[in-house]
Amino acid sequence: MTTSTKVILGILGAAAAGAVVGMLLAPDKGSELRKKVKDTANDWACQLADLFAEGKTELQNLKNKSAKVTRDVKNEAENTYNNARESFS
């Protein structure tokens, strides 16, 4: 997990805790409080889904990059082997 992901999750956690405390201490009616909790939970779910989608994309990019590096190293090793073999022939 990257540092930026940890920071984002920390900020989301702090915001969630602050929102919950604020709602519980607010002088709203029960029905209004339940609606706010429902709306806030829905917002958090959407944000979390976006975060997971972003993480999935980042993981796919990392996978592609590592595959390219692996191919490049393999090709370089084959070229070095072939050059060495030709020089000793």
N, C-alpha and C. Protein backbone atom coordinates (compact mmCIF):
# COMPACT_ATOMS: atom_id res chain seq x y z
N MET A 1 0.86 -1.17 0.00
CA MET A 1 0.00 0.00 0.00
C MET A 1 0.91 1.23 0.00
N THR A 2 0.66 2.13 -0.92
CA THR A 2 1.50 3.30 -1.04
C THR A 2 1.15 4.32 0.04
N THR A 3 2.06 5.25 0.23
CA THR A 3 1.86 6.28 1.25
C THR A 3 0.63 7.12 0.94
N SER A 4 0.42 7.45 -0.32
CA SER A 4 -0.74 8.28 -0.67
C SER A 4 -2.05 7.53 -0.39
N THR A 5 -2.06 6.22 -0.60
CA THR A 5 -3.25 5.43 -0.29
C THR A 5 -3.51 5.43 1.21
N LYS A 6 -2.45 5.30 1.98
CA LYS A 6 -2.60 5.31 3.44
C LYS A 6 -3.13 6.66 3.91
N VAL A 7 -2.64 7.73 3.31
CA VAL A 7 -3.10 9.07 3.69
C VAL A 7 -4.58 9.24 3.34
N ILE A 8 -4.95 8.79 2.15
CA ILE A 8 -6.35 8.90 1.74
C ILE A 8 -7.26 8.11 2.67
N LEU A 9 -6.86 6.88 3.00
CA LEU A 9 -7.66 6.07 3.91
C LEU A 9 -7.74 6.70 5.30
N GLY A 10 -6.64 7.29 5.75
CA GLY A 10 -6.64 7.98 7.04
C GLY A 10 -7.58 9.16 7.06
N ILE A 11 -7.56 9.92 5.98
CA ILE A 11 -8.44 11.09 5.89
C ILE A 11 -9.90 10.64 5.85
N LEU A 12 -10.19 9.59 5.06
CA LEU A 12 -11.56 9.07 5.00
C LEU A 12 -12.02 8.57 6.36
N GLY A 13 -11.14 7.87 7.08
CA GLY A 13 -11.48 7.37 8.41
C GLY A 13 -11.75 8.50 9.38
N ALA A 14 -10.91 9.53 9.35
CA ALA A 14 -11.10 10.67 10.25
C ALA A 14 -12.39 11.42 9.90
N ALA A 15 -12.65 11.56 8.62
CA ALA A 15 -13.89 12.23 8.21
C ALA A 15 -15.11 11.42 8.64
N ALA A 16 -15.02 10.12 8.52
CA ALA A 16 -16.13 9.26 8.93
C ALA A 16 -16.39 9.38 10.42
N ALA A 17 -15.33 9.32 11.21
CA ALA A 17 -15.49 9.44 12.66
C ALA A 17 -16.06 10.80 13.03
N GLY A 18 -15.57 11.85 12.41
CA GLY A 18 -16.07 13.19 12.69
C GLY A 18 -17.53 13.34 12.31
N ALA A 19 -17.91 12.77 11.18
CA ALA A 19 -19.31 12.86 10.74
C ALA A 19 -20.23 12.12 11.69
N VAL A 20 -19.81 10.95 12.13
CA VAL A 20 -20.64 10.17 13.05
C VAL A 20 -20.82 10.90 14.37
N VAL A 21 -19.73 11.42 14.91
CA VAL A 21 -19.82 12.16 16.18
C VAL A 21 -20.70 13.40 16.00
N GLY A 22 -20.53 14.10 14.91
CA GLY A 22 -21.34 15.29 14.64
C GLY A 22 -22.82 14.97 14.54
N MET A 23 -23.13 13.86 13.88
CA MET A 23 -24.54 13.47 13.74
C MET A 23 -25.15 13.06 15.09
N LEU A 24 -24.36 12.34 15.87
CA LEU A 24 -24.89 11.88 17.16
C LEU A 24 -25.11 13.03 18.14
N LEU A 25 -24.34 14.08 18.00
CA LEU A 25 -24.46 15.21 18.90
C LEU A 25 -25.40 16.30 18.36
N ALA A 26 -25.84 16.16 17.13
CA ALA A 26 -26.71 17.17 16.53
C ALA A 26 -28.12 17.09 17.11
N PRO A 27 -28.78 18.22 17.23
CA PRO A 27 -30.14 18.23 17.79
C PRO A 27 -31.21 17.96 16.73
N ASP A 28 -31.02 16.92 15.92
CA ASP A 28 -31.99 16.59 14.87
C ASP A 28 -32.99 15.55 15.38
N LYS A 29 -34.11 15.47 14.68
CA LYS A 29 -35.08 14.43 14.96
C LYS A 29 -34.51 13.09 14.50
N GLY A 30 -35.00 12.01 15.05
CA GLY A 30 -34.52 10.68 14.71
C GLY A 30 -34.63 10.37 13.23
N SER A 31 -35.74 10.73 12.62
CA SER A 31 -35.92 10.44 11.19
C SER A 31 -34.93 11.22 10.34
N GLU A 32 -34.67 12.46 10.71
CA GLU A 32 -33.69 13.26 9.97
C GLU A 32 -32.29 12.71 10.15
N LEU A 33 -31.98 12.28 11.37
CA LEU A 33 -30.66 11.72 11.64
C LEU A 33 -30.46 10.43 10.86
N ARG A 34 -31.47 9.57 10.81
CA ARG A 34 -31.36 8.33 10.05
C ARG A 34 -31.16 8.60 8.57
N LYS A 35 -31.85 9.60 8.04
CA LYS A 35 -31.67 9.96 6.63
C LYS A 35 -30.25 10.45 6.38
N LYS A 36 -29.73 11.28 7.28
CA LYS A 36 -28.36 11.78 7.13
C LYS A 36 -27.35 10.63 7.20
N VAL A 37 -27.58 9.71 8.13
CA VAL A 37 -26.67 8.56 8.26
C VAL A 37 -26.70 7.73 6.98
N LYS A 38 -27.91 7.50 6.45
CA LYS A 38 -28.06 6.73 5.21
C LYS A 38 -27.35 7.42 4.06
N ASP A 39 -27.56 8.71 3.92
CA ASP A 39 -26.92 9.46 2.83
C ASP A 39 -25.40 9.46 2.96
N THR A 40 -24.94 9.66 4.19
CA THR A 40 -23.49 9.67 4.42
C THR A 40 -22.88 8.30 4.14
N ALA A 41 -23.54 7.24 4.59
CA ALA A 41 -23.05 5.89 4.32
C ALA A 41 -23.00 5.62 2.83
N ASN A 42 -24.00 6.10 2.10
CA ASN A 42 -24.01 5.92 0.65
C ASN A 42 -22.84 6.67 0.01
N ASP A 43 -22.58 7.88 0.47
CA ASP A 43 -21.45 8.66 -0.05
C ASP A 43 -20.13 7.94 0.21
N TRP A 44 -19.97 7.41 1.41
CA TRP A 44 -18.74 6.68 1.75
C TRP A 44 -18.58 5.44 0.90
N ALA A 45 -19.69 4.73 0.67
CA ALA A 45 -19.64 3.53 -0.17
C ALA A 45 -19.19 3.89 -1.58
N CYS A 46 -19.70 4.98 -2.11
CA CYS A 46 -19.31 5.43 -3.45
C CYS A 46 -17.83 5.80 -3.49
N GLN A 47 -17.37 6.52 -2.46
CA GLN A 47 -15.97 6.91 -2.40
C GLN A 47 -15.07 5.68 -2.29
N LEU A 48 -15.49 4.72 -1.49
CA LEU A 48 -14.70 3.50 -1.32
C LEU A 48 -14.66 2.70 -2.62
N ALA A 49 -15.78 2.64 -3.33
CA ALA A 49 -15.81 1.95 -4.61
C ALA A 49 -14.87 2.63 -5.61
N ASP A 50 -14.86 3.96 -5.60
CA ASP A 50 -13.95 4.70 -6.48
C ASP A 50 -12.50 4.41 -6.11
N LEU A 51 -12.21 4.35 -4.81
CA LEU A 51 -10.85 4.07 -4.35
C LEU A 51 -10.42 2.68 -4.78
N PHE A 52 -11.31 1.69 -4.66
CA PHE A 52 -10.98 0.34 -5.09
C PHE A 52 -10.77 0.29 -6.60
N ALA A 53 -11.58 0.99 -7.35
CA ALA A 53 -11.42 1.02 -8.81
C ALA A 53 -10.08 1.64 -9.18
N GLU A 54 -9.72 2.70 -8.49
CA GLU A 54 -8.43 3.35 -8.73
C GLU A 54 -7.28 2.40 -8.39
N GLY A 55 -7.42 1.69 -7.30
CA GLY A 55 -6.40 0.71 -6.90
C GLY A 55 -6.28 -0.41 -7.91
N LYS A 56 -7.41 -0.85 -8.43
CA LYS A 56 -7.41 -1.92 -9.44
C LYS A 56 -6.69 -1.45 -10.70
N THR A 57 -6.95 -0.22 -11.11
CA THR A 57 -6.29 0.34 -12.28
C THR A 57 -4.79 0.46 -12.05
N GLU A 58 -4.42 0.94 -10.86
CA GLU A 58 -3.00 1.07 -10.53
C GLU A 58 -2.31 -0.29 -10.51
N LEU A 59 -2.98 -1.30 -10.00
CA LEU A 59 -2.43 -2.65 -9.98
C LEU A 59 -2.24 -3.19 -11.39
N GLN A 60 -3.21 -2.94 -12.26
CA GLN A 60 -3.08 -3.38 -13.66
C GLN A 60 -1.92 -2.68 -14.34
N ASN A 61 -1.75 -1.38 -14.09
CA ASN A 61 -0.62 -0.64 -14.67
C ASN A 61 0.70 -1.21 -14.17
N LEU A 62 0.77 -1.54 -12.90
CA LEU A 62 1.99 -2.12 -12.33
C LEU A 62 2.27 -3.48 -12.96
N LYS A 63 1.23 -4.27 -13.14
CA LYS A 63 1.38 -5.58 -13.78
C LYS A 63 1.93 -5.44 -15.19
N ASN A 64 1.36 -4.50 -15.96
CA ASN A 64 1.83 -4.27 -17.33
C ASN A 64 3.28 -3.81 -17.36
N LYS A 65 3.62 -2.92 -16.43
CA LYS A 65 4.99 -2.41 -16.38
C LYS A 65 5.97 -3.52 -16.03
N SER A 66 5.61 -4.37 -15.07
CA SER A 66 6.51 -5.45 -14.69
C SER A 66 6.66 -6.47 -15.82
N ALA A 67 5.59 -6.72 -16.57
CA ALA A 67 5.67 -7.64 -17.71
C ALA A 67 6.61 -7.08 -18.77
N LYS A 68 6.54 -5.77 -19.01
CA LYS A 68 7.43 -5.14 -19.99
C LYS A 68 8.88 -5.22 -19.55
N VAL A 69 9.13 -4.94 -18.28
CA VAL A 69 10.50 -5.01 -17.77
C VAL A 69 11.03 -6.44 -17.87
N THR A 70 10.18 -7.41 -17.56
CA THR A 70 10.58 -8.81 -17.66
C THR A 70 10.94 -9.18 -19.09
N ARG A 71 10.10 -8.76 -20.06
CA ARG A 71 10.41 -9.03 -21.46
C ARG A 71 11.72 -8.38 -21.88
N ASP A 72 11.93 -7.13 -21.45
CA ASP A 72 13.16 -6.42 -21.81
C ASP A 72 14.38 -7.11 -21.25
N VAL A 73 14.32 -7.55 -19.99
CA VAL A 73 15.45 -8.24 -19.36
C VAL A 73 15.70 -9.56 -20.06
N LYS A 74 14.65 -10.28 -20.40
CA LYS A 74 14.79 -11.57 -21.09
C LYS A 74 15.45 -11.36 -22.45
N ASN A 75 15.00 -10.37 -23.20
CA ASN A 75 15.58 -10.09 -24.51
C ASN A 75 17.05 -9.70 -24.39
N GLU A 76 17.35 -8.88 -23.39
CA GLU A 76 18.75 -8.46 -23.19
C GLU A 76 19.62 -9.65 -22.82
N ALA A 77 19.10 -10.55 -21.98
CA ALA A 77 19.87 -11.74 -21.60
C ALA A 77 20.09 -12.64 -22.81
N GLU A 78 19.07 -12.81 -23.65
CA GLU A 78 19.22 -13.63 -24.85
C GLU A 78 20.23 -13.03 -25.81
N ASN A 79 20.18 -11.70 -25.97
CA ASN A 79 21.15 -11.03 -26.85
C ASN A 79 22.57 -11.19 -26.32
N THR A 80 22.74 -11.03 -25.02
CA THR A 80 24.07 -11.18 -24.43
C THR A 80 24.57 -12.61 -24.61
N TYR A 81 23.70 -13.58 -24.39
CA TYR A 81 24.08 -14.99 -24.56
C TYR A 81 24.48 -15.27 -26.01
N ASN A 82 23.66 -14.79 -26.95
CA ASN A 82 23.95 -15.03 -28.37
C ASN A 82 25.26 -14.35 -28.77
N ASN A 83 25.51 -13.15 -28.31
CA ASN A 83 26.76 -12.44 -28.63
C ASN A 83 27.94 -13.17 -28.05
N ALA A 84 27.82 -13.67 -26.83
CA ALA A 84 28.92 -14.42 -26.21
C ALA A 84 29.16 -15.71 -26.95
N ARG A 85 28.09 -16.39 -27.33
CA ARG A 85 28.21 -17.65 -28.06
C ARG A 85 28.89 -17.44 -29.41
N GLU A 86 28.52 -16.36 -30.10
CA GLU A 86 29.13 -16.06 -31.39
C GLU A 86 30.61 -15.70 -31.25
N SER A 87 30.96 -15.01 -30.19
CA SER A 87 32.35 -14.60 -30.02
C SER A 87 33.23 -15.79 -29.66
N PHE A 88 32.68 -16.84 -29.07
CA PHE A 88 33.48 -18.03 -28.74
C PHE A 88 33.44 -19.08 -29.83
N SER A 89 32.66 -18.86 -30.89
CA SER A 89 32.58 -19.85 -31.99
C SER A 89 33.74 -19.69 -32.94
